[in-house]
């Protein structure tokens, strides 16, 4: 019921705001499809002023799970300041904090024609820094969704598209029995839709030999 109310609330915001809208990013086969005890936040795309971003967090309750609804047309450069603001608010909640409450990006899961969710509670965004590519560590650099490179300590680079990303990571992880660490490195011009596409694909990775870092890097 609460998930349905959130969906209706999202439609209300989209329909009743003359110059604001939220088009949710689309994924196929979400790992998380049901969340209870929620409150929503919205990051709007302004069609009349394309560089304008507005965060509406009036409905947030600090002790609940937060569903963050972000317009898929925004770039990471546009959306990140608001995302980080929300993270800092939750992490600094103090005595009102609920340790079990999480933050989720809301998506339109086309496979079930309903909402799907991606957990970003523990993600830490770092801007204009460089991922560690020492022994056993790889930087997955996303220039755009169809232009991705994997860098390692020996400067090996694999150019690929998002459809090939999972196979490439799993092959690297299975090349030896040692644990491989992968860090995501996104161009700030990547759209939120493309960001969610990559995140959704990686959520389906299953291997004991790999770890995806919670530290994500954003470069200009």
Protein backbone atom coordinates (compact mmCIF):
# COMPACT_ATOMS: atom_id res chain seq x y z
CA UNK A 1 0.00 0.00 0.00
CA UNK A 2 2.74 2.48 0.92
CA UNK A 3 4.55 1.71 -2.34
CA UNK A 4 1.33 2.47 -4.23
CA UNK A 5 0.91 5.76 -2.35
CA UNK A 6 4.44 6.78 -3.28
CA UNK A 7 3.73 5.99 -6.93
CA UNK A 8 0.55 8.08 -6.82
CA UNK A 9 2.42 10.90 -5.11
CA UNK A 10 5.00 10.86 -7.90
CA UNK A 11 2.29 11.09 -10.54
CA UNK A 12 0.72 13.97 -8.61
CA UNK A 13 3.98 15.92 -8.59
CA UNK A 14 4.51 15.34 -12.31
CA UNK A 15 1.00 16.31 -13.34
CA UNK A 16 0.49 19.31 -11.10
CA UNK A 17 3.77 21.16 -11.62
CA UNK A 18 3.56 23.40 -14.66
CA UNK A 19 7.31 23.71 -15.27
CA UNK A 20 8.55 20.70 -13.30
CA UNK A 21 8.56 17.01 -14.05
CA UNK A 22 10.13 13.79 -12.90
CA UNK A 23 10.65 11.09 -15.50
CA UNK A 24 12.00 8.11 -13.58
CA UNK A 25 14.98 6.16 -14.98
CA UNK A 26 14.02 2.82 -16.48
CA UNK A 27 15.56 -0.54 -15.61
CA UNK A 28 14.70 -4.15 -16.36
CA UNK A 29 14.64 -6.66 -13.53
CA UNK A 30 15.21 -4.73 -10.29
CA UNK A 31 16.78 -6.62 -7.41
CA UNK A 32 14.54 -4.68 -4.98
CA UNK A 33 10.86 -4.25 -5.79
CA UNK A 34 9.17 -3.67 -2.43
CA UNK A 35 10.00 -1.33 0.44
CA UNK A 36 7.89 -0.38 3.45
CA UNK A 37 8.03 2.55 5.85
CA UNK A 38 9.04 5.14 3.26
CA UNK A 39 9.00 8.84 2.51
CA UNK A 40 9.86 10.48 -0.85
CA UNK A 41 12.14 13.23 -2.11
CA UNK A 42 12.11 14.65 -5.64
CA UNK A 43 14.84 16.14 -7.79
CA UNK A 44 13.13 17.96 -10.64
CA UNK A 45 14.18 18.67 -14.19
CA UNK A 46 12.96 22.07 -15.35
CA UNK A 47 11.97 21.89 -19.01
CA UNK A 48 11.99 25.66 -19.41
CA UNK A 49 15.43 26.11 -17.80
CA UNK A 50 17.48 23.00 -18.53
CA UNK A 51 20.31 23.95 -16.18
CA UNK A 52 17.88 24.43 -13.30
CA UNK A 53 17.59 21.68 -10.67
CA UNK A 54 15.20 21.75 -7.73
CA UNK A 55 15.19 19.44 -4.72
CA UNK A 56 11.91 18.94 -2.91
CA UNK A 57 12.39 17.12 0.40
CA UNK A 58 9.41 18.44 2.36
CA UNK A 59 7.88 14.98 2.71
CA UNK A 60 10.98 13.31 4.17
CA UNK A 61 10.76 11.74 7.63
CA UNK A 62 14.23 11.11 9.04
CA UNK A 63 13.44 7.70 10.58
CA UNK A 64 12.01 6.17 7.37
CA UNK A 65 13.50 4.65 4.24
CA UNK A 66 13.97 7.44 1.70
CA UNK A 67 12.86 7.00 -1.89
CA UNK A 68 14.73 9.54 -3.99
CA UNK A 69 12.97 10.24 -7.28
CA UNK A 70 15.39 11.80 -9.77
CA UNK A 71 14.58 12.84 -13.32
CA UNK A 72 16.47 10.62 -15.75
CA UNK A 73 17.29 13.57 -18.04
CA UNK A 74 19.53 15.24 -15.45
CA UNK A 75 23.28 14.75 -15.60
CA UNK A 76 25.30 13.58 -12.63
CA UNK A 77 26.79 17.07 -12.44
CA UNK A 78 23.29 18.48 -11.97
CA UNK A 79 21.89 15.82 -9.65
CA UNK A 80 24.86 15.06 -7.37
CA UNK A 81 24.76 18.18 -5.15
CA UNK A 82 21.18 17.37 -4.15
CA UNK A 83 21.95 13.67 -3.69
CA UNK A 84 24.87 14.50 -1.40
CA UNK A 85 22.72 16.98 0.53
CA UNK A 86 20.20 14.21 1.23
CA UNK A 87 22.92 11.76 2.27
CA UNK A 88 24.43 14.26 4.69
CA UNK A 89 21.02 14.99 6.19
CA UNK A 90 20.36 11.29 6.84
CA UNK A 91 23.88 10.59 8.15
CA UNK A 92 23.77 13.58 10.48
CA UNK A 93 20.34 12.81 11.90
CA UNK A 94 21.68 12.31 15.45
CA UNK A 95 19.19 11.18 18.08
CA UNK A 96 16.37 10.84 15.54
CA UNK A 97 18.37 8.52 13.28
CA UNK A 98 17.08 5.04 12.48
CA UNK A 99 20.15 2.87 11.82
CA UNK A 100 18.13 0.41 9.73
CA UNK A 101 16.62 3.09 7.45
CA UNK A 102 18.15 3.23 3.96
CA UNK A 103 18.23 5.47 0.89
CA UNK A 104 16.97 4.19 -2.46
CA UNK A 105 16.80 5.56 -5.99
CA UNK A 106 13.33 4.98 -7.42
CA UNK A 107 13.13 3.49 -10.91
CA UNK A 108 10.52 2.32 -13.38
CA UNK A 109 11.03 -1.43 -13.70
CA UNK A 110 9.75 -2.26 -17.20
CA UNK A 111 9.82 -6.01 -16.50
CA UNK A 112 7.06 -5.74 -13.90
CA UNK A 113 5.52 -2.40 -14.97
CA UNK A 114 5.98 -1.08 -11.46
CA UNK A 115 8.56 0.57 -9.27
CA UNK A 116 12.01 -0.88 -8.65
CA UNK A 117 14.69 0.45 -6.27
CA UNK A 118 18.47 0.72 -6.06
CA UNK A 119 20.10 1.07 -2.64
CA UNK A 120 22.65 3.90 -2.41
CA UNK A 121 22.77 4.27 1.37
CA UNK A 122 26.49 3.61 1.73
CA UNK A 123 27.72 5.14 -1.53
CA UNK A 124 30.30 7.90 -1.06
CA UNK A 125 30.74 10.27 -4.01
CA UNK A 126 34.15 11.82 -4.65
CA UNK A 127 34.56 14.52 -7.30
CA UNK A 128 37.70 15.12 -9.38
CA UNK A 129 39.78 12.47 -7.61
CA UNK A 130 41.35 9.33 -9.09
CA UNK A 131 40.44 5.72 -8.17
CA UNK A 132 43.12 3.41 -6.82
CA UNK A 133 44.40 1.02 -9.52
CA UNK A 134 47.15 -0.73 -7.56
CA UNK A 135 47.54 -4.50 -7.67
CA UNK A 136 44.18 -6.28 -7.70
CA UNK A 137 42.21 -3.06 -8.18
CA UNK A 138 40.43 -1.85 -11.29
CA UNK A 139 38.80 1.44 -12.24
CA UNK A 140 35.71 1.09 -14.39
CA UNK A 141 35.50 4.43 -16.20
CA UNK A 142 32.16 5.32 -17.76
CA UNK A 143 32.50 8.11 -20.30
CA UNK A 144 28.98 7.35 -21.51
CA UNK A 145 26.85 4.25 -21.49
CA UNK A 146 28.34 2.92 -24.75
CA UNK A 147 31.92 3.97 -24.01
CA UNK A 148 33.47 2.27 -20.98
CA UNK A 149 37.07 1.43 -20.09
CA UNK A 150 38.57 -0.79 -17.39
CA UNK A 151 41.98 0.33 -16.13
CA UNK A 152 44.33 -1.79 -14.05
CA UNK A 153 47.79 -1.44 -12.54
CA UNK A 154 49.48 -2.48 -15.78
CA UNK A 155 47.53 0.18 -17.71
CA UNK A 156 45.52 -2.42 -19.55
CA UNK A 157 42.41 -0.84 -21.05
CA UNK A 158 39.37 -2.65 -22.34
CA UNK A 159 36.94 -0.55 -24.39
CA UNK A 160 33.40 -1.84 -24.24
CA UNK A 161 29.70 -1.03 -24.09
CA UNK A 162 27.42 -1.46 -21.10
CA UNK A 163 26.00 -4.72 -22.50
CA UNK A 164 29.48 -6.25 -22.26
CA UNK A 165 30.37 -4.81 -18.86
CA UNK A 166 29.22 -7.69 -16.66
CA UNK A 167 30.99 -10.35 -18.74
CA UNK A 168 34.23 -8.34 -18.76
CA UNK A 169 34.22 -7.83 -14.99
CA UNK A 170 33.36 -11.47 -14.31
CA UNK A 171 36.15 -12.65 -16.61
CA UNK A 172 38.67 -10.48 -14.80
CA UNK A 173 37.38 -11.68 -11.44
CA UNK A 174 37.67 -15.33 -12.46
CA UNK A 175 41.19 -14.96 -13.92
CA UNK A 176 42.65 -15.88 -10.51
CA UNK A 177 41.48 -16.85 -7.04
CA UNK A 178 42.48 -13.50 -5.49
CA UNK A 179 39.79 -10.92 -4.74
CA UNK A 180 39.44 -8.22 -7.40
CA UNK A 181 38.26 -4.75 -6.41
CA UNK A 182 36.35 -2.58 -8.90
CA UNK A 183 35.74 1.15 -8.46
CA UNK A 184 33.27 3.12 -10.61
CA UNK A 185 34.51 6.34 -12.21
CA UNK A 186 31.79 8.37 -13.98
CA UNK A 187 31.99 11.33 -16.32
CA UNK A 188 29.90 14.12 -14.78
CA UNK A 189 28.07 14.50 -18.12
CA UNK A 190 26.61 10.99 -17.84
CA UNK A 191 22.82 11.22 -17.56
CA UNK A 192 21.10 9.85 -14.51
CA UNK A 193 19.39 7.28 -16.77
CA UNK A 194 22.78 5.96 -17.92
CA UNK A 195 24.11 6.03 -14.35
CA UNK A 196 21.17 3.91 -13.17
CA UNK A 197 21.58 1.57 -16.15
CA UNK A 198 25.16 0.81 -15.06
CA UNK A 199 24.22 0.51 -11.38
CA UNK A 200 21.35 -1.84 -12.16
CA UNK A 201 23.55 -4.11 -14.26
CA UNK A 202 26.23 -4.28 -11.58
CA UNK A 203 23.65 -5.16 -8.93
CA UNK A 204 23.26 -8.50 -10.73
CA UNK A 205 26.93 -9.45 -10.44
CA UNK A 206 27.47 -12.69 -8.52
CA UNK A 207 31.03 -13.75 -7.72
CA UNK A 208 33.07 -14.49 -4.62
CA UNK A 209 36.16 -13.07 -6.33
CA UNK A 210 35.01 -9.49 -6.86
CA UNK A 211 33.96 -6.50 -4.81
CA UNK A 212 32.37 -3.27 -6.07
CA UNK A 213 33.56 -0.31 -4.02
CA UNK A 214 31.03 1.95 -2.30
CA UNK A 215 33.32 4.88 -3.19
CA UNK A 216 32.29 6.29 -6.56
CA UNK A 217 34.33 8.89 -8.43
CA UNK A 218 32.98 11.66 -10.64
CA UNK A 219 35.23 13.51 -13.08
CA UNK A 220 34.62 16.50 -15.37
